[in-house]
Each structure stands twice: as structure tokens, then as C-alpha cells.
Amino acid sequence: MMLWFTVELSDEAIQCNEHVRLQENFERAWGLSGAPEEAAMYSGLGDGNTNKLYFSPGTESFFRHVLDACGAKPCDPPTVDEAGLLVGHDSARFALATSTANS
């Protein structure tokens, strides 16, 4: 089973543009890997408004070393309410889980 991963970024990391560096590195690696359909990067807010980046299962094959270096942790797929697509094909939006929250 392939896993989703998340990286939580502190406010300090955001101020240092760590999220921008991660996105640029992901875009480069994704492109060099042939822009696989099953790989995508998402952004969102976690509990307590922490900044989170999510990586779909297809990311592991070419970006795992970066995820490990960033302390990424396996997670459940984010919902459409939790995350937005940063890098990936438009079809990657459908990989997000449907929200179970009551409106």
C-alpha cells in the first residue's frame, strides 16, 4: 500500500520560505520524473492552523529522500476542505478525500 505524507511547517519555516523551496524542489523532481499522474503536492492548514504540505502516494518514488529529510509523516489523504493542489495534474484534485464534516 502506498502512503500519503505530510510535512508540518512552523511559522518560522514559513517566514524563511521553506514552503517555497519545497515546492520548487518538488516541481523540478516531478518534471524530471515525467510528471507522473499519481504524484502531486498540496497545501493546507492542520489542527491549530499549522501549515501543512501533503504529498500523494506517487510522490514516494522520486521525492522520498526529501520527505525523509523534512521529517514527513504518513497520513490519511486530506479532504477537499483541508488542502488545495499546488503541483500536479488537474486530475490530482480528485485524489483528495470527500469531506465528512457537516455543513
PDB file of N, CA and C in Angstrom:
ATOM      1  N   MET A   1       0.837  -1.187   0.000  1.00  0.00           N
ATOM      2  CA  MET A   1       0.000   0.000   0.000  1.00  0.00           C
ATOM      3  C   MET A   1       0.880   1.247   0.000  1.00  0.00           C
ATOM      4  N   MET A   2       0.581   2.164  -0.872  1.00  0.00           N
ATOM      5  CA  MET A   2       1.336   3.412  -0.934  1.00  0.00           C
ATOM      6  C   MET A   2       0.691   4.425   0.001  1.00  0.00           C
ATOM      7  N   LEU A   3       1.537   5.249   0.615  1.00  0.00           N
ATOM      8  CA  LEU A   3       1.084   6.162   1.658  1.00  0.00           C
ATOM      9  C   LEU A   3       1.085   7.617   1.212  1.00  0.00           C
ATOM     10  N   TRP A   4       0.198   8.374   1.815  1.00  0.00           N
ATOM     11  CA  TRP A   4       0.238   9.828   1.754  1.00  0.00           C
ATOM     12  C   TRP A   4       1.214  10.286   2.823  1.00  0.00           C
ATOM     13  N   PHE A   5       1.840  11.449   2.608  1.00  0.00           N
ATOM     14  CA  PHE A   5       2.752  12.021   3.595  1.00  0.00           C
ATOM     15  C   PHE A   5       2.392  13.482   3.834  1.00  0.00           C
ATOM     16  N   THR A   6       2.719  13.945   5.033  1.00  0.00           N
ATOM     17  CA  THR A   6       2.522  15.356   5.364  1.00  0.00           C
ATOM     18  C   THR A   6       3.771  15.914   6.030  1.00  0.00           C
ATOM     19  N   VAL A   7       4.018  17.177   5.772  1.00  0.00           N
ATOM     20  CA  VAL A   7       5.095  17.927   6.413  1.00  0.00           C
ATOM     21  C   VAL A   7       4.441  19.122   7.085  1.00  0.00           C
ATOM     22  N   GLU A   8       4.678  19.271   8.380  1.00  0.00           N
ATOM     23  CA  GLU A   8       4.159  20.439   9.100  1.00  0.00           C
ATOM     24  C   GLU A   8       5.256  21.492   9.156  1.00  0.00           C
ATOM     25  N   LEU A   9       4.890  22.705   8.848  1.00  0.00           N
ATOM     26  CA  LEU A   9       5.851  23.809   8.841  1.00  0.00           C
ATOM     27  C   LEU A   9       5.490  24.834   9.910  1.00  0.00           C
ATOM     28  N   SER A  10       6.487  25.211  10.672  1.00  0.00           N
ATOM     29  CA  SER A  10       6.278  26.238  11.701  1.00  0.00           C
ATOM     30  C   SER A  10       6.149  27.599  11.032  1.00  0.00           C
ATOM     31  N   ASP A  11       5.667  28.575  11.797  1.00  0.00           N
ATOM     32  CA  ASP A  11       5.591  29.943  11.287  1.00  0.00           C
ATOM     33  C   ASP A  11       6.982  30.441  10.888  1.00  0.00           C
ATOM     34  N   GLU A  12       7.993  30.053  11.662  1.00  0.00           N
ATOM     35  CA  GLU A  12       9.372  30.453  11.355  1.00  0.00           C
ATOM     36  C   GLU A  12       9.815  29.873  10.013  1.00  0.00           C
ATOM     37  N   ALA A  13       9.491  28.611   9.763  1.00  0.00           N
ATOM     38  CA  ALA A  13       9.840  27.983   8.485  1.00  0.00           C
ATOM     39  C   ALA A  13       9.133  28.678   7.331  1.00  0.00           C
ATOM     40  N   ILE A  14       7.892  29.088   7.557  1.00  0.00           N
ATOM     41  CA  ILE A  14       7.144  29.810   6.520  1.00  0.00           C
ATOM     42  C   ILE A  14       7.813  31.168   6.255  1.00  0.00           C
ATOM     43  N   GLN A  15       8.194  31.860   7.322  1.00  0.00           N
ATOM     44  CA  GLN A  15       8.859  33.162   7.160  1.00  0.00           C
ATOM     45  C   GLN A  15      10.182  33.022   6.408  1.00  0.00           C
ATOM     46  N   CYS A  16      10.827  31.869   6.525  1.00  0.00           N
ATOM     47  CA  CYS A  16      12.095  31.608   5.825  1.00  0.00           C
ATOM     48  C   CYS A  16      11.855  31.022   4.430  1.00  0.00           C
ATOM     49  N   ASN A  17      10.591  30.989   4.017  1.00  0.00           N
ATOM     50  CA  ASN A  17      10.206  30.495   2.684  1.00  0.00           C
ATOM     51  C   ASN A  17      10.526  29.025   2.443  1.00  0.00           C
ATOM     52  N   GLU A  18      10.517  28.222   3.501  1.00  0.00           N
ATOM     53  CA  GLU A  18      10.776  26.795   3.350  1.00  0.00           C
ATOM     54  C   GLU A  18       9.732  26.135   2.443  1.00  0.00           C
ATOM     55  N   HIS A  19       8.490  26.583   2.528  1.00  0.00           N
ATOM     56  CA  HIS A  19       7.432  26.023   1.688  1.00  0.00           C
ATOM     57  C   HIS A  19       7.692  26.312   0.207  1.00  0.00           C
ATOM     58  N   VAL A  20       8.252  27.472  -0.087  1.00  0.00           N
ATOM     59  CA  VAL A  20       8.566  27.832  -1.467  1.00  0.00           C
ATOM     60  C   VAL A  20       9.694  26.940  -1.991  1.00  0.00           C
ATOM     61  N   ARG A  21      10.722  26.735  -1.172  1.00  0.00           N
ATOM     62  CA  ARG A  21      11.830  25.860  -1.574  1.00  0.00           C
ATOM     63  C   ARG A  21      11.347  24.434  -1.808  1.00  0.00           C
ATOM     64  N   LEU A  22      10.500  23.944  -0.918  1.00  0.00           N
ATOM     65  CA  LEU A  22       9.972  22.588  -1.091  1.00  0.00           C
ATOM     66  C   LEU A  22       9.153  22.474  -2.377  1.00  0.00           C
ATOM     67  N   GLN A  23       8.336  23.472  -2.641  1.00  0.00           N
ATOM     68  CA  GLN A  23       7.514  23.443  -3.847  1.00  0.00           C
ATOM     69  C   GLN A  23       8.395  23.494  -5.097  1.00  0.00           C
ATOM     70  N   GLU A  24       9.401  24.348  -5.101  1.00  0.00           N
ATOM     71  CA  GLU A  24      10.300  24.430  -6.258  1.00  0.00           C
ATOM     72  C   GLU A  24      11.044  23.122  -6.467  1.00  0.00           C
ATOM     73  N   ASN A  25      11.530  22.516  -5.384  1.00  0.00           N
ATOM     74  CA  ASN A  25      12.217  21.223  -5.487  1.00  0.00           C
ATOM     75  C   ASN A  25      11.277  20.136  -5.977  1.00  0.00           C
ATOM     76  N   PHE A  26      10.040  20.163  -5.477  1.00  0.00           N
ATOM     77  CA  PHE A  26       9.066  19.165  -5.913  1.00  0.00           C
ATOM     78  C   PHE A  26       8.760  19.325  -7.399  1.00  0.00           C
ATOM     79  N   GLU A  27       8.521  20.566  -7.825  1.00  0.00           N
ATOM     80  CA  GLU A  27       8.213  20.819  -9.242  1.00  0.00           C
ATOM     81  C   GLU A  27       9.336  20.311 -10.146  1.00  0.00           C
ATOM     82  N   ARG A  28      10.572  20.574  -9.752  1.00  0.00           N
ATOM     83  CA  ARG A  28      11.719  20.140 -10.537  1.00  0.00           C
ATOM     84  C   ARG A  28      11.774  18.609 -10.593  1.00  0.00           C
ATOM     85  N   ALA A  29      11.694  17.957  -9.441  1.00  0.00           N
ATOM     86  CA  ALA A  29      11.775  16.490  -9.389  1.00  0.00           C
ATOM     87  C   ALA A  29      10.599  15.847 -10.110  1.00  0.00           C
ATOM     88  N   TRP A  30       9.428  16.429  -9.964  1.00  0.00           N
ATOM     89  CA  TRP A  30       8.217  15.914 -10.621  1.00  0.00           C
ATOM     90  C   TRP A  30       8.380  15.974 -12.138  1.00  0.00           C
ATOM     91  N   GLY A  31       8.858  17.100 -12.630  1.00  0.00           N
ATOM     92  CA  GLY A  31       9.077  17.258 -14.068  1.00  0.00           C
ATOM     93  C   GLY A  31      10.131  16.297 -14.595  1.00  0.00           C
ATOM     94  N   LEU A  32      11.229  16.159 -13.863  1.00  0.00           N
ATOM     95  CA  LEU A  32      12.295  15.248 -14.283  1.00  0.00           C
ATOM     96  C   LEU A  32      11.856  13.793 -14.239  1.00  0.00           C
ATOM     97  N   SER A  33      10.826  13.501 -13.455  1.00  0.00           N
ATOM     98  CA  SER A  33      10.287  12.134 -13.353  1.00  0.00           C
ATOM     99  C   SER A  33       9.200  11.877 -14.385  1.00  0.00           C
ATOM    100  N   GLY A  34       8.995  12.812 -15.287  1.00  0.00           N
ATOM    101  CA  GLY A  34       7.982  12.641 -16.325  1.00  0.00           C
ATOM    102  C   GLY A  34       6.596  13.100 -15.919  1.00  0.00           C
ATOM    103  N   ALA A  35       6.516  13.916 -14.877  1.00  0.00           N
ATOM    104  CA  ALA A  35       5.232  14.450 -14.386  1.00  0.00           C
ATOM    105  C   ALA A  35       4.189  13.346 -14.207  1.00  0.00           C
ATOM    106  N   PRO A  36       4.485  12.375 -13.321  1.00  0.00           N
ATOM    107  CA  PRO A  36       3.553  11.257 -13.146  1.00  0.00           C
ATOM    108  C   PRO A  36       2.172  11.698 -12.651  1.00  0.00           C
ATOM    109  N   GLU A  37       1.145  11.107 -13.242  1.00  0.00           N
ATOM    110  CA  GLU A  37      -0.253  11.420 -12.888  1.00  0.00           C
ATOM    111  C   GLU A  37      -0.541  11.200 -11.404  1.00  0.00           C
ATOM    112  N   GLU A  38       0.070  10.173 -10.822  1.00  0.00           N
ATOM    113  CA  GLU A  38      -0.266   9.776  -9.444  1.00  0.00           C
ATOM    114  C   GLU A  38       0.510  10.560  -8.389  1.00  0.00           C
ATOM    115  N   ALA A  39       1.326  11.522  -8.813  1.00  0.00           N
ATOM    116  CA  ALA A  39       2.121  12.302  -7.869  1.00  0.00           C
ATOM    117  C   ALA A  39       1.648  13.753  -7.855  1.00  0.00           C
ATOM    118  N   ALA A  40       1.453  14.288  -6.652  1.00  0.00           N
ATOM    119  CA  ALA A  40       1.015  15.675  -6.519  1.00  0.00           C
ATOM    120  C   ALA A  40       1.393  16.204  -5.140  1.00  0.00           C
ATOM    121  N   MET A  41       1.458  17.530  -5.062  1.00  0.00           N
ATOM    122  CA  MET A  41       1.756  18.234  -3.813  1.00  0.00           C
ATOM    123  C   MET A  41       0.600  19.185  -3.527  1.00  0.00           C
ATOM    124  N   TYR A  42       0.179  19.215  -2.273  1.00  0.00           N
ATOM    125  CA  TYR A  42      -0.962  20.021  -1.849  1.00  0.00           C
ATOM    126  C   TYR A  42      -0.558  20.866  -0.645  1.00  0.00           C
ATOM    127  N   SER A  43      -1.271  21.969  -0.420  1.00  0.00           N
ATOM    128  CA  SER A  43      -1.058  22.767   0.786  1.00  0.00           C
ATOM    129  C   SER A  43      -2.362  22.854   1.553  1.00  0.00           C
ATOM    130  N   GLY A  44      -2.228  23.083   2.847  1.00  0.00           N
ATOM    131  CA  GLY A  44      -3.425  23.211   3.668  1.00  0.00           C
ATOM    132  C   GLY A  44      -3.085  23.608   5.081  1.00  0.00           C
ATOM    133  N   LEU A  45      -4.112  23.715   5.892  1.00  0.00           N
ATOM    134  CA  LEU A  45      -3.955  24.030   7.302  1.00  0.00           C
ATOM    135  C   LEU A  45      -4.323  22.808   8.124  1.00  0.00           C
ATOM    136  N   GLY A  46      -3.516  22.524   9.115  1.00  0.00           N
ATOM    137  CA  GLY A  46      -3.803  21.410  10.004  1.00  0.00           C
ATOM    138  C   GLY A  46      -4.466  21.879  11.274  1.00  0.00           C
ATOM    139  N   ASP A  47      -4.440  21.033  12.290  1.00  0.00           N
ATOM    140  CA  ASP A  47      -5.001  21.388  13.589  1.00  0.00           C
ATOM    141  C   ASP A  47      -4.270  22.603  14.144  1.00  0.00           C
ATOM    142  N   GLY A  48      -5.017  23.514  14.707  1.00  0.00           N
ATOM    143  CA  GLY A  48      -4.424  24.717  15.281  1.00  0.00           C
ATOM    144  C   GLY A  48      -3.832  25.639  14.237  1.00  0.00           C
ATOM    145  N   ASN A  49      -4.318  25.524  13.005  1.00  0.00           N
ATOM    146  CA  ASN A  49      -3.852  26.360  11.897  1.00  0.00           C
ATOM    147  C   ASN A  49      -2.364  26.197  11.583  1.00  0.00           C
ATOM    148  N   THR A  50      -1.799  25.006  11.872  1.00  0.00           N
ATOM    149  CA  THR A  50      -0.430  24.758  11.446  1.00  0.00           C
ATOM    150  C   THR A  50      -0.414  24.665   9.929  1.00  0.00           C
ATOM    151  N   ASN A  51       0.669  25.063   9.338  1.00  0.00           N
ATOM    152  CA  ASN A  51       0.818  24.991   7.894  1.00  0.00           C
ATOM    153  C   ASN A  51       1.277  23.585   7.524  1.00  0.00           C
ATOM    154  N   LYS A  52       0.575  22.980   6.582  1.00  0.00           N
ATOM    155  CA  LYS A  52       0.908  21.613   6.192  1.00  0.00           C
ATOM    156  C   LYS A  52       1.050  21.514   4.685  1.00  0.00           C
ATOM    157  N   LEU A  53       1.953  20.647   4.281  1.00  0.00           N
ATOM    158  CA  LEU A  53       2.071  20.254   2.892  1.00  0.00           C
ATOM    159  C   LEU A  53       1.755  18.766   2.832  1.00  0.00           C
ATOM    160  N   TYR A  54       1.010  18.375   1.830  1.00  0.00           N
ATOM    161  CA  TYR A  54       0.635  16.972   1.645  1.00  0.00           C
ATOM    162  C   TYR A  54       1.223  16.473   0.335  1.00  0.00           C
ATOM    163  N   PHE A  55       1.625  15.213   0.331  1.00  0.00           N
ATOM    164  CA  PHE A  55       2.210  14.588  -0.847  1.00  0.00           C
ATOM    165  C   PHE A  55       1.494  13.273  -1.107  1.00  0.00           C
ATOM    166  N   SER A  56       0.989  13.127  -2.324  1.00  0.00           N
ATOM    167  CA  SER A  56       0.236  11.921  -2.682  1.00  0.00           C
ATOM    168  C   SER A  56       1.175  10.719  -2.786  1.00  0.00           C
ATOM    169  N   PRO A  57       0.613   9.514  -2.769  1.00  0.00           N
ATOM    170  CA  PRO A  57       1.423   8.297  -2.772  1.00  0.00           C
ATOM    171  C   PRO A  57       2.431   8.196  -3.924  1.00  0.00           C
ATOM    172  N   GLY A  58       2.110   8.666  -5.098  1.00  0.00           N
ATOM    173  CA  GLY A  58       3.022   8.561  -6.226  1.00  0.00           C
ATOM    174  C   GLY A  58       4.295   9.376  -6.082  1.00  0.00           C
ATOM    175  N   THR A  59       4.330  10.231  -5.078  1.00  0.00           N
ATOM    176  CA  THR A  59       5.488  11.083  -4.823  1.00  0.00           C
ATOM    177  C   THR A  59       6.660  10.297  -4.259  1.00  0.00           C
ATOM    178  N   GLU A  60       6.364   9.241  -3.558  1.00  0.00           N
ATOM    179  CA  GLU A  60       7.383   8.484  -2.831  1.00  0.00           C
ATOM    180  C   GLU A  60       8.513   7.994  -3.743  1.00  0.00           C
ATOM    181  N   SER A  61       8.192   7.631  -4.976  1.00  0.00           N
ATOM    182  CA  SER A  61       9.195   7.034  -5.861  1.00  0.00           C
ATOM    183  C   SER A  61      10.316   7.993  -6.253  1.00  0.00           C
ATOM    184  N   PHE A  62      10.075   9.298  -6.274  1.00  0.00           N
ATOM    185  CA  PHE A  62      11.116  10.239  -6.698  1.00  0.00           C
ATOM    186  C   PHE A  62      11.427  11.341  -5.684  1.00  0.00           C
ATOM    187  N   PHE A  63      10.679  11.424  -4.594  1.00  0.00           N
ATOM    188  CA  PHE A  63      10.849  12.533  -3.656  1.00  0.00           C
ATOM    189  C   PHE A  63      11.014  12.056  -2.216  1.00  0.00           C
ATOM    190  N   ARG A  64      11.117  10.760  -2.014  1.00  0.00           N
ATOM    191  CA  ARG A  64      11.167  10.199  -0.657  1.00  0.00           C
ATOM    192  C   ARG A  64      12.345  10.732   0.148  1.00  0.00           C
ATOM    193  N   HIS A  65      13.505  10.894  -0.481  1.00  0.00           N
ATOM    194  CA  HIS A  65      14.677  11.381   0.245  1.00  0.00           C
ATOM    195  C   HIS A  65      14.441  12.782   0.818  1.00  0.00           C
ATOM    196  N   VAL A  66      13.721  13.621   0.094  1.00  0.00           N
ATOM    197  CA  VAL A  66      13.405  14.966   0.582  1.00  0.00           C
ATOM    198  C   VAL A  66      12.372  14.870   1.703  1.00  0.00           C
ATOM    199  N   LEU A  67      11.364  14.030   1.509  1.00  0.00           N
ATOM    200  CA  LEU A  67      10.348  13.858   2.551  1.00  0.00           C
ATOM    201  C   LEU A  67      10.985  13.379   3.855  1.00  0.00           C
ATOM    202  N   ASP A  68      11.894  12.422   3.754  1.00  0.00           N
ATOM    203  CA  ASP A  68      12.584  11.929   4.948  1.00  0.00           C
ATOM    204  C   ASP A  68      13.384  13.043   5.616  1.00  0.00           C
ATOM    205  N   ALA A  69      14.084  13.848   4.810  1.00  0.00           N
ATOM    206  CA  ALA A  69      14.898  14.941   5.352  1.00  0.00           C
ATOM    207  C   ALA A  69      14.049  16.009   6.036  1.00  0.00           C
ATOM    208  N   CYS A  70      12.806  16.163   5.597  1.00  0.00           N
ATOM    209  CA  CYS A  70      11.898  17.171   6.161  1.00  0.00           C
ATOM    210  C   CYS A  70      11.081  16.637   7.337  1.00  0.00           C
ATOM    211  N   GLY A  71      11.271  15.378   7.675  1.00  0.00           N
ATOM    212  CA  GLY A  71      10.505  14.803   8.776  1.00  0.00           C
ATOM    213  C   GLY A  71       9.062  14.513   8.420  1.00  0.00           C
ATOM    214  N   ALA A  72       8.797  14.224   7.150  1.00  0.00           N
ATOM    215  CA  ALA A  72       7.427  13.913   6.718  1.00  0.00           C
ATOM    216  C   ALA A  72       6.917  12.675   7.444  1.00  0.00           C
ATOM    217  N   LYS A  73       5.617  12.691   7.700  1.00  0.00           N
ATOM    218  CA  LYS A  73       4.974  11.573   8.392  1.00  0.00           C
ATOM    219  C   LYS A  73       3.843  11.034   7.532  1.00  0.00           C
ATOM    220  N   PRO A  74       3.630   9.718   7.584  1.00  0.00           N
ATOM    221  CA  PRO A  74       2.473   9.156   6.868  1.00  0.00           C
ATOM    222  C   PRO A  74       1.189   9.752   7.429  1.00  0.00           C
ATOM    223  N   CYS A  75       0.203   9.922   6.562  1.00  0.00           N
ATOM    224  CA  CYS A  75      -1.066  10.497   6.999  1.00  0.00           C
ATOM    225  C   CYS A  75      -2.199   9.952   6.133  1.00  0.00           C
ATOM    226  N   ASP A  76      -3.418  10.222   6.573  1.00  0.00           N
ATOM    227  CA  ASP A  76      -4.588   9.922   5.758  1.00  0.00           C
ATOM    228  C   ASP A  76      -4.664  10.948   4.644  1.00  0.00           C
ATOM    229  N   PRO A  77      -5.312  10.617   3.532  1.00  0.00           N
ATOM    230  CA  PRO A  77      -5.480  11.622   2.477  1.00  0.00           C
ATOM    231  C   PRO A  77      -6.240  12.831   3.022  1.00  0.00           C
ATOM    232  N   PRO A  78      -5.793  14.037   2.702  1.00  0.00           N
ATOM    233  CA  PRO A  78      -6.535  15.215   3.151  1.00  0.00           C
ATOM    234  C   PRO A  78      -7.858  15.310   2.398  1.00  0.00           C
ATOM    235  N   THR A  79      -8.783  16.039   2.973  1.00  0.00           N
ATOM    236  CA  THR A  79     -10.065  16.241   2.303  1.00  0.00           C
ATOM    237  C   THR A  79      -9.987  17.470   1.409  1.00  0.00           C
ATOM    238  N   VAL A  80     -10.965  17.630   0.555  1.00  0.00           N
ATOM    239  CA  VAL A  80     -11.013  18.801  -0.322  1.00  0.00           C
ATOM    240  C   VAL A  80     -11.134  20.087   0.497  1.00  0.00           C
ATOM    241  N   ASP A  81     -11.645  19.990   1.719  1.00  0.00           N
ATOM    242  CA  ASP A  81     -11.748  21.162   2.588  1.00  0.00           C
ATOM    243  C   ASP A  81     -10.424  21.494   3.277  1.00  0.00           C
ATOM    244  N   GLU A  82      -9.526  20.525   3.336  1.00  0.00           N
ATOM    245  CA  GLU A  82      -8.266  20.703   4.056  1.00  0.00           C
ATOM    246  C   GLU A  82      -7.095  21.131   3.173  1.00  0.00           C
ATOM    247  N   ALA A  83      -7.147  20.832   1.891  1.00  0.00           N
ATOM    248  CA  ALA A  83      -5.967  21.035   1.059  1.00  0.00           C
ATOM    249  C   ALA A  83      -6.320  21.474  -0.350  1.00  0.00           C
ATOM    250  N   GLY A  84      -5.393  22.197  -0.945  1.00  0.00           N
ATOM    251  CA  GLY A  84      -5.519  22.631  -2.333  1.00  0.00           C
ATOM    252  C   GLY A  84      -4.301  22.182  -3.120  1.00  0.00           C
ATOM    253  N   LEU A  85      -4.483  21.893  -4.371  1.00  0.00           N
ATOM    254  CA  LEU A  85      -3.417  21.414  -5.247  1.00  0.00           C
ATOM    255  C   LEU A  85      -2.397  22.519  -5.521  1.00  0.00           C
ATOM    256  N   LEU A  86      -1.124  22.214  -5.312  1.00  0.00           N
ATOM    257  CA  LEU A  86      -0.030  23.130  -5.635  1.00  0.00           C
ATOM    258  C   LEU A  86       0.671  22.709  -6.925  1.00  0.00           C
ATOM    259  N   VAL A  87       1.032  21.417  -6.983  1.00  0.00           N
ATOM    260  CA  VAL A  87       1.764  20.888  -8.131  1.00  0.00           C
ATOM    261  C   VAL A  87       1.163  19.540  -8.494  1.00  0.00           C
ATOM    262  N   GLY A  88       0.851  19.380  -9.760  1.00  0.00           N
ATOM    263  CA  GLY A  88       0.294  18.113 -10.235  1.00  0.00           C
ATOM    264  C   GLY A  88      -0.703  18.371 -11.347  1.00  0.00           C
ATOM    265  N   HIS A  89      -1.157  17.306 -11.937  1.00  0.00           N
ATOM    266  CA  HIS A  89      -2.163  17.416 -12.981  1.00  0.00           C
ATOM    267  C   HIS A  89      -3.511  17.803 -12.368  1.00  0.00           C
ATOM    268  N   ASP A  90      -4.371  18.452 -13.137  1.00  0.00           N
ATOM    269  CA  ASP A  90      -5.699  18.822 -12.643  1.00  0.00           C
ATOM    270  C   ASP A  90      -6.448  17.618 -12.090  1.00  0.00           C
ATOM    271  N   SER A  91      -6.220  16.453 -12.668  1.00  0.00           N
ATOM    272  CA  SER A  91      -6.900  15.240 -12.204  1.00  0.00           C
ATOM    273  C   SER A  91      -6.512  14.887 -10.771  1.00  0.00           C
ATOM    274  N   ALA A  92      -5.390  15.420 -10.282  1.00  0.00           N
ATOM    275  CA  ALA A  92      -4.948  15.128  -8.913  1.00  0.00           C
ATOM    276  C   ALA A  92      -5.914  15.688  -7.877  1.00  0.00           C
ATOM    277  N   ARG A  93      -6.718  16.653  -8.260  1.00  0.00           N
ATOM    278  CA  ARG A  93      -7.722  17.197  -7.327  1.00  0.00           C
ATOM    279  C   ARG A  93      -8.703  16.106  -6.877  1.00  0.00           C
ATOM    280  N   PHE A  94      -8.927  15.121  -7.761  1.00  0.00           N
ATOM    281  CA  PHE A  94      -9.869  14.054  -7.435  1.00  0.00           C
ATOM    282  C   PHE A  94      -9.276  13.042  -6.453  1.00  0.00           C
ATOM    283  N   ALA A  95      -7.977  13.129  -6.164  1.00  0.00           N
ATOM    284  CA  ALA A  95      -7.365  12.217  -5.217  1.00  0.00           C
ATOM    285  C   ALA A  95      -7.680  12.601  -3.774  1.00  0.00           C
ATOM    286  N   LEU A  96      -8.135  13.830  -3.562  1.00  0.00           N
ATOM    287  CA  LEU A  96      -8.471  14.280  -2.211  1.00  0.00           C
ATOM    288  C   LEU A  96      -9.746  13.600  -1.740  1.00  0.00           C
ATOM    289  N   ALA A  97      -9.762  13.274  -0.474  1.00  0.00           N
ATOM    290  CA  ALA A  97     -10.930  12.628   0.111  1.00  0.00           C
ATOM    291  C   ALA A  97     -12.110  13.604   0.176  1.00  0.00           C
ATOM    292  N   THR A  98     -13.296  13.078   0.072  1.00  0.00           N
ATOM    293  CA  THR A  98     -14.503  13.902   0.229  1.00  0.00           C
ATOM    294  C   THR A  98     -14.680  14.218   1.697  1.00  0.00           C
ATOM    295  N   SER A  99     -15.007  15.444   1.997  1.00  0.00           N
ATOM    296  CA  SER A  99     -15.169  15.877   3.383  1.00  0.00           C
ATOM    297  C   SER A  99     -16.332  15.133   4.044  1.00  0.00           C
ATOM    298  N   THR A 100     -16.113  14.784   5.316  1.00  0.00           N
ATOM    299  CA  THR A 100     -17.173  14.137   6.082  1.00  0.00           C
ATOM    300  C   THR A 100     -17.769  15.096   7.105  1.00  0.00           C
ATOM    301  N   ALA A 101     -17.285  16.337   7.083  1.00  0.00           N
ATOM    302  CA  ALA A 101     -17.794  17.321   8.040  1.00  0.00           C
ATOM    303  C   ALA A 101     -19.198  17.742   7.663  1.00  0.00           C
ATOM    304  N   ASN A 102     -19.982  18.048   8.666  1.00  0.00           N
ATOM    305  CA  ASN A 102     -21.339  18.544   8.431  1.00  0.00           C
ATOM    306  C   ASN A 102     -21.290  20.020   8.135  1.00  0.00           C
ATOM    307  N   SER A 103     -22.028  20.465   7.152  1.00  0.00           N
ATOM    308  CA  SER A 103     -22.035  21.892   6.807  1.00  0.00           C
ATOM    309  C   SER A 103     -23.035  22.629   7.655  1.00  0.00           C
TER     310      SER A 103
END
